[in-house]
Amino acid sequence: MPDLTGAVWRKSSRSNNGGNCVEVADNLPGVVGLRDSKDPSGPVLAFSPAAWTAFVTGVQRDTFGN
């Protein structure tokens, strides 16, 4: 697991107040963290910055369908 000390977590700009939110920490060198906002001490998914960029681009382009 990468060192997430110093991670600054922010909610997705697409989150609503319904409780289905994720938080991302993209301020760390070499890793982007993703976690469930309802469980901040729970598990974290870690991505390389390139993988995260590819995922976000795919979502923006609707590559994954609905």
PDB file of N, CA and C in Angstrom:
ATOM      1  N   MET A   1       0.842  -1.183   0.000  1.00  0.00           N
ATOM      2  CA  MET A   1       0.000   0.000   0.000  1.00  0.00           C
ATOM      3  C   MET A   1       0.885   1.243   0.000  1.00  0.00           C
ATOM      4  N   PRO A   2       0.610   2.180  -0.876  1.00  0.00           N
ATOM      5  CA  PRO A   2       1.394   3.410  -0.912  1.00  0.00           C
ATOM      6  C   PRO A   2       1.187   4.227   0.369  1.00  0.00           C
ATOM      7  N   ASP A   3       2.144   5.076   0.667  1.00  0.00           N
ATOM      8  CA  ASP A   3       2.043   5.963   1.814  1.00  0.00           C
ATOM      9  C   ASP A   3       1.085   7.103   1.470  1.00  0.00           C
ATOM     10  N   LEU A   4      -0.020   7.177   2.189  1.00  0.00           N
ATOM     11  CA  LEU A   4      -1.021   8.210   1.939  1.00  0.00           C
ATOM     12  C   LEU A   4      -0.958   9.323   2.974  1.00  0.00           C
ATOM     13  N   THR A   5       0.131   9.362   3.748  1.00  0.00           N
ATOM     14  CA  THR A   5       0.320  10.442   4.713  1.00  0.00           C
ATOM     15  C   THR A   5       0.344  11.767   3.968  1.00  0.00           C
ATOM     16  N   GLY A   6      -0.428  12.705   4.427  1.00  0.00           N
ATOM     17  CA  GLY A   6      -0.488  14.010   3.775  1.00  0.00           C
ATOM     18  C   GLY A   6      -1.521  14.097   2.677  1.00  0.00           C
ATOM     19  N   ALA A   7      -2.284  13.025   2.473  1.00  0.00           N
ATOM     20  CA  ALA A   7      -3.317  13.050   1.436  1.00  0.00           C
ATOM     21  C   ALA A   7      -4.377  14.093   1.777  1.00  0.00           C
ATOM     22  N   VAL A   8      -4.753  14.864   0.784  1.00  0.00           N
ATOM     23  CA  VAL A   8      -5.842  15.826   0.919  1.00  0.00           C
ATOM     24  C   VAL A   8      -7.020  15.259   0.139  1.00  0.00           C
ATOM     25  N   TRP A   9      -8.046  14.849   0.859  1.00  0.00           N
ATOM     26  CA  TRP A   9      -9.199  14.192   0.249  1.00  0.00           C
ATOM     27  C   TRP A   9     -10.256  15.220  -0.120  1.00  0.00           C
ATOM     28  N   ARG A  10     -10.850  15.040  -1.289  1.00  0.00           N
ATOM     29  CA  ARG A  10     -11.960  15.902  -1.715  1.00  0.00           C
ATOM     30  C   ARG A  10     -13.031  15.031  -2.337  1.00  0.00           C
ATOM     31  N   LYS A  11     -14.280  15.458  -2.167  1.00  0.00           N
ATOM     32  CA  LYS A  11     -15.398  14.711  -2.750  1.00  0.00           C
ATOM     33  C   LYS A  11     -15.483  14.985  -4.238  1.00  0.00           C
ATOM     34  N   SER A  12     -16.005  14.017  -4.933  1.00  0.00           N
ATOM     35  CA  SER A  12     -16.244  14.173  -6.355  1.00  0.00           C
ATOM     36  C   SER A  12     -17.171  15.364  -6.598  1.00  0.00           C
ATOM     37  N   SER A  13     -16.896  16.120  -7.632  1.00  0.00           N
ATOM     38  CA  SER A  13     -17.763  17.251  -7.971  1.00  0.00           C
ATOM     39  C   SER A  13     -19.138  16.774  -8.425  1.00  0.00           C
ATOM     40  N   ARG A  14     -19.267  15.492  -8.746  1.00  0.00           N
ATOM     41  CA  ARG A  14     -20.547  14.917  -9.177  1.00  0.00           C
ATOM     42  C   ARG A  14     -21.325  14.289  -8.026  1.00  0.00           C
ATOM     43  N   SER A  15     -20.770  14.353  -6.826  1.00  0.00           N
ATOM     44  CA  SER A  15     -21.442  13.750  -5.676  1.00  0.00           C
ATOM     45  C   SER A  15     -22.676  14.549  -5.306  1.00  0.00           C
ATOM     46  N   ASN A  16     -23.657  13.851  -4.791  1.00  0.00           N
ATOM     47  CA  ASN A  16     -24.847  14.507  -4.273  1.00  0.00           C
ATOM     48  C   ASN A  16     -24.896  14.261  -2.774  1.00  0.00           C
ATOM     49  N   ASN A  17     -25.945  14.683  -2.138  1.00  0.00           N
ATOM     50  CA  ASN A  17     -26.068  14.493  -0.699  1.00  0.00           C
ATOM     51  C   ASN A  17     -26.747  13.178  -0.353  1.00  0.00           C
ATOM     52  N   GLY A  18     -26.883  12.289  -1.302  1.00  0.00           N
ATOM     53  CA  GLY A  18     -27.546  11.009  -1.072  1.00  0.00           C
ATOM     54  C   GLY A  18     -26.675   9.977  -0.379  1.00  0.00           C
ATOM     55  N   GLY A  19     -25.428  10.268  -0.129  1.00  0.00           N
ATOM     56  CA  GLY A  19     -24.560   9.350   0.583  1.00  0.00           C
ATOM     57  C   GLY A  19     -23.709   8.466  -0.302  1.00  0.00           C
ATOM     58  N   ASN A  20     -23.930   8.464  -1.611  1.00  0.00           N
ATOM     59  CA  ASN A  20     -23.140   7.643  -2.533  1.00  0.00           C
ATOM     60  C   ASN A  20     -21.991   8.482  -3.085  1.00  0.00           C
ATOM     61  N   CYS A  21     -21.001   8.743  -2.236  1.00  0.00           N
ATOM     62  CA  CYS A  21     -19.917   9.642  -2.619  1.00  0.00           C
ATOM     63  C   CYS A  21     -18.573   8.946  -2.532  1.00  0.00           C
ATOM     64  N   VAL A  22     -17.689   9.378  -3.374  1.00  0.00           N
ATOM     65  CA  VAL A  22     -16.304   8.948  -3.292  1.00  0.00           C
ATOM     66  C   VAL A  22     -15.453  10.185  -3.057  1.00  0.00           C
ATOM     67  N   GLU A  23     -14.266   9.951  -2.498  1.00  0.00           N
ATOM     68  CA  GLU A  23     -13.294  11.014  -2.307  1.00  0.00           C
ATOM     69  C   GLU A  23     -12.009  10.616  -3.014  1.00  0.00           C
ATOM     70  N   VAL A  24     -11.346  11.612  -3.553  1.00  0.00           N
ATOM     71  CA  VAL A  24     -10.091  11.368  -4.265  1.00  0.00           C
ATOM     72  C   VAL A  24      -8.995  12.211  -3.626  1.00  0.00           C
ATOM     73  N   ALA A  25      -7.815  11.650  -3.562  1.00  0.00           N
ATOM     74  CA  ALA A  25      -6.622  12.378  -3.121  1.00  0.00           C
ATOM     75  C   ALA A  25      -5.632  12.321  -4.276  1.00  0.00           C
ATOM     76  N   ASP A  26      -5.449  13.447  -4.932  1.00  0.00           N
ATOM     77  CA  ASP A  26      -4.560  13.483  -6.093  1.00  0.00           C
ATOM     78  C   ASP A  26      -3.403  14.453  -5.895  1.00  0.00           C
ATOM     79  N   ASN A  27      -3.082  14.699  -4.631  1.00  0.00           N
ATOM     80  CA  ASN A  27      -2.003  15.630  -4.314  1.00  0.00           C
ATOM     81  C   ASN A  27      -0.681  14.941  -3.967  1.00  0.00           C
ATOM     82  N   LEU A  28      -0.632  13.625  -4.064  1.00  0.00           N
ATOM     83  CA  LEU A  28       0.566  12.884  -3.682  1.00  0.00           C
ATOM     84  C   LEU A  28       1.379  12.493  -4.911  1.00  0.00           C
ATOM     85  N   PRO A  29       2.690  12.470  -4.779  1.00  0.00           N
ATOM     86  CA  PRO A  29       3.510  12.085  -5.932  1.00  0.00           C
ATOM     87  C   PRO A  29       3.390  10.592  -6.232  1.00  0.00           C
ATOM     88  N   GLY A  30       3.071  10.273  -7.468  1.00  0.00           N
ATOM     89  CA  GLY A  30       3.086   8.881  -7.918  1.00  0.00           C
ATOM     90  C   GLY A  30       1.881   8.044  -7.580  1.00  0.00           C
ATOM     91  N   VAL A  31       0.862   8.608  -6.928  1.00  0.00           N
ATOM     92  CA  VAL A  31      -0.312   7.811  -6.569  1.00  0.00           C
ATOM     93  C   VAL A  31      -1.539   8.708  -6.463  1.00  0.00           C
ATOM     94  N   VAL A  32      -2.678   8.146  -6.857  1.00  0.00           N
ATOM     95  CA  VAL A  32      -3.978   8.783  -6.670  1.00  0.00           C
ATOM     96  C   VAL A  32      -4.810   7.818  -5.844  1.00  0.00           C
ATOM     97  N   GLY A  33      -5.348   8.313  -4.729  1.00  0.00           N
ATOM     98  CA  GLY A  33      -6.152   7.475  -3.851  1.00  0.00           C
ATOM     99  C   GLY A  33      -7.636   7.728  -4.049  1.00  0.00           C
ATOM    100  N   LEU A  34      -8.426   6.696  -3.850  1.00  0.00           N
ATOM    101  CA  LEU A  34      -9.873   6.783  -3.971  1.00  0.00           C
ATOM    102  C   LEU A  34     -10.482   6.016  -2.809  1.00  0.00           C
ATOM    103  N   ARG A  35     -11.456   6.630  -2.118  1.00  0.00           N
ATOM    104  CA  ARG A  35     -12.088   5.973  -0.978  1.00  0.00           C
ATOM    105  C   ARG A  35     -13.557   6.345  -0.888  1.00  0.00           C
ATOM    106  N   ASP A  36     -14.288   5.586  -0.096  1.00  0.00           N
ATOM    107  CA  ASP A  36     -15.706   5.824   0.175  1.00  0.00           C
ATOM    108  C   ASP A  36     -15.802   6.914   1.238  1.00  0.00           C
ATOM    109  N   SER A  37     -16.503   7.991   0.947  1.00  0.00           N
ATOM    110  CA  SER A  37     -16.589   9.096   1.895  1.00  0.00           C
ATOM    111  C   SER A  37     -17.297   8.707   3.190  1.00  0.00           C
ATOM    112  N   LYS A  38     -18.135   7.677   3.155  1.00  0.00           N
ATOM    113  CA  LYS A  38     -18.827   7.228   4.358  1.00  0.00           C
ATOM    114  C   LYS A  38     -17.925   6.419   5.272  1.00  0.00           C
ATOM    115  N   ASP A  39     -16.769   5.990   4.793  1.00  0.00           N
ATOM    116  CA  ASP A  39     -15.859   5.144   5.563  1.00  0.00           C
ATOM    117  C   ASP A  39     -14.420   5.634   5.387  1.00  0.00           C
ATOM    118  N   PRO A  40     -14.109   6.833   5.908  1.00  0.00           N
ATOM    119  CA  PRO A  40     -12.786   7.404   5.667  1.00  0.00           C
ATOM    120  C   PRO A  40     -11.624   6.607   6.240  1.00  0.00           C
ATOM    121  N   SER A  41     -11.875   5.739   7.197  1.00  0.00           N
ATOM    122  CA  SER A  41     -10.794   4.918   7.723  1.00  0.00           C
ATOM    123  C   SER A  41     -10.762   3.530   7.071  1.00  0.00           C
ATOM    124  N   GLY A  42     -11.637   3.331   6.095  1.00  0.00           N
ATOM    125  CA  GLY A  42     -11.723   2.042   5.408  1.00  0.00           C
ATOM    126  C   GLY A  42     -10.694   1.903   4.302  1.00  0.00           C
ATOM    127  N   PRO A  43     -10.896   0.934   3.445  1.00  0.00           N
ATOM    128  CA  PRO A  43      -9.923   0.660   2.382  1.00  0.00           C
ATOM    129  C   PRO A  43      -9.811   1.796   1.369  1.00  0.00           C
ATOM    130  N   VAL A  44      -8.656   1.860   0.748  1.00  0.00           N
ATOM    131  CA  VAL A  44      -8.368   2.867  -0.273  1.00  0.00           C
ATOM    132  C   VAL A  44      -7.899   2.148  -1.525  1.00  0.00           C
ATOM    133  N   LEU A  45      -8.430   2.545  -2.656  1.00  0.00           N
ATOM    134  CA  LEU A  45      -7.914   2.066  -3.939  1.00  0.00           C
ATOM    135  C   LEU A  45      -6.820   3.035  -4.364  1.00  0.00           C
ATOM    136  N   ALA A  46      -5.711   2.513  -4.847  1.00  0.00           N
ATOM    137  CA  ALA A  46      -4.592   3.351  -5.269  1.00  0.00           C
ATOM    138  C   ALA A  46      -4.316   3.124  -6.749  1.00  0.00           C
ATOM    139  N   PHE A  47      -4.170   4.212  -7.476  1.00  0.00           N
ATOM    140  CA  PHE A  47      -3.934   4.176  -8.924  1.00  0.00           C
ATOM    141  C   PHE A  47      -2.689   4.980  -9.252  1.00  0.00           C
ATOM    142  N   SER A  48      -2.040   4.612 -10.341  1.00  0.00           N
ATOM    143  CA  SER A  48      -0.985   5.480 -10.851  1.00  0.00           C
ATOM    144  C   SER A  48      -1.679   6.709 -11.446  1.00  0.00           C
ATOM    145  N   PRO A  49      -0.998   7.841 -11.493  1.00  0.00           N
ATOM    146  CA  PRO A  49      -1.616   9.013 -12.121  1.00  0.00           C
ATOM    147  C   PRO A  49      -2.053   8.750 -13.564  1.00  0.00           C
ATOM    148  N   ALA A  50      -1.289   7.972 -14.322  1.00  0.00           N
ATOM    149  CA  ALA A  50      -1.663   7.667 -15.713  1.00  0.00           C
ATOM    150  C   ALA A  50      -2.938   6.836 -15.773  1.00  0.00           C
ATOM    151  N   ALA A  51      -3.060   5.854 -14.887  1.00  0.00           N
ATOM    152  CA  ALA A  51      -4.269   5.024 -14.864  1.00  0.00           C
ATOM    153  C   ALA A  51      -5.475   5.855 -14.461  1.00  0.00           C
ATOM    154  N   TRP A  52      -5.304   6.754 -13.490  1.00  0.00           N
ATOM    155  CA  TRP A  52      -6.415   7.606 -13.053  1.00  0.00           C
ATOM    156  C   TRP A  52      -6.859   8.528 -14.195  1.00  0.00           C
ATOM    157  N   THR A  53      -5.900   9.122 -14.886  1.00  0.00           N
ATOM    158  CA  THR A  53      -6.223  10.001 -16.011  1.00  0.00           C
ATOM    159  C   THR A  53      -6.973   9.236 -17.093  1.00  0.00           C
ATOM    160  N   ALA A  54      -6.540   8.016 -17.393  1.00  0.00           N
ATOM    161  CA  ALA A  54      -7.223   7.195 -18.399  1.00  0.00           C
ATOM    162  C   ALA A  54      -8.650   6.879 -17.964  1.00  0.00           C
ATOM    163  N   PHE A  55      -8.842   6.577 -16.684  1.00  0.00           N
ATOM    164  CA  PHE A  55     -10.185   6.294 -16.178  1.00  0.00           C
ATOM    165  C   PHE A  55     -11.089   7.526 -16.287  1.00  0.00           C
ATOM    166  N   VAL A  56     -10.607   8.671 -15.810  1.00  0.00           N
ATOM    167  CA  VAL A  56     -11.411   9.895 -15.852  1.00  0.00           C
ATOM    168  C   VAL A  56     -11.748  10.260 -17.293  1.00  0.00           C
ATOM    169  N   THR A  57     -10.777  10.145 -18.187  1.00  0.00           N
ATOM    170  CA  THR A  57     -11.024  10.427 -19.604  1.00  0.00           C
ATOM    171  C   THR A  57     -12.084   9.483 -20.167  1.00  0.00           C
ATOM    172  N   GLY A  58     -11.999   8.203 -19.820  1.00  0.00           N
ATOM    173  CA  GLY A  58     -12.993   7.229 -20.275  1.00  0.00           C
ATOM    174  C   GLY A  58     -14.389   7.562 -19.778  1.00  0.00           C
ATOM    175  N   VAL A  59     -14.502   7.996 -18.531  1.00  0.00           N
ATOM    176  CA  VAL A  59     -15.814   8.379 -17.982  1.00  0.00           C
ATOM    177  C   VAL A  59     -16.336   9.610 -18.719  1.00  0.00           C
ATOM    178  N   GLN A  60     -15.481  10.607 -18.921  1.00  0.00           N
ATOM    179  CA  GLN A  60     -15.907  11.817 -19.608  1.00  0.00           C
ATOM    180  C   GLN A  60     -16.379  11.543 -21.030  1.00  0.00           C
ATOM    181  N   ARG A  61     -15.774  10.572 -21.671  1.00  0.00           N
ATOM    182  CA  ARG A  61     -16.134  10.236 -23.053  1.00  0.00           C
ATOM    183  C   ARG A  61     -17.218   9.167 -23.127  1.00  0.00           C
ATOM    184  N   ASP A  62     -17.687   8.727 -21.973  1.00  0.00           N
ATOM    185  CA  ASP A  62     -18.713   7.677 -21.886  1.00  0.00           C
ATOM    186  C   ASP A  62     -18.242   6.389 -22.542  1.00  0.00           C
ATOM    187  N   THR A  63     -16.971   6.103 -22.399  1.00  0.00           N
ATOM    188  CA  THR A  63     -16.370   4.901 -22.972  1.00  0.00           C
ATOM    189  C   THR A  63     -16.963   3.627 -22.384  1.00  0.00           C
ATOM    190  N   PHE A  64     -17.379   3.684 -21.129  1.00  0.00           N
ATOM    191  CA  PHE A  64     -17.831   2.500 -20.423  1.00  0.00           C
ATOM    192  C   PHE A  64     -19.327   2.227 -20.573  1.00  0.00           C
ATOM    193  N   GLY A  65     -20.040   3.123 -21.246  1.00  0.00           N
ATOM    194  CA  GLY A  65     -21.488   2.949 -21.437  1.00  0.00           C
ATOM    195  C   GLY A  65     -22.249   3.144 -20.155  1.00  0.00           C
ATOM    196  N   ASN A  66     -23.569   2.928 -20.222  1.00  0.00           N
ATOM    197  CA  ASN A  66     -24.364   3.099 -19.007  1.00  0.00           C
ATOM    198  C   ASN A  66     -24.873   1.785 -18.547  1.00  0.00           C
TER     199      ASN A  66
END
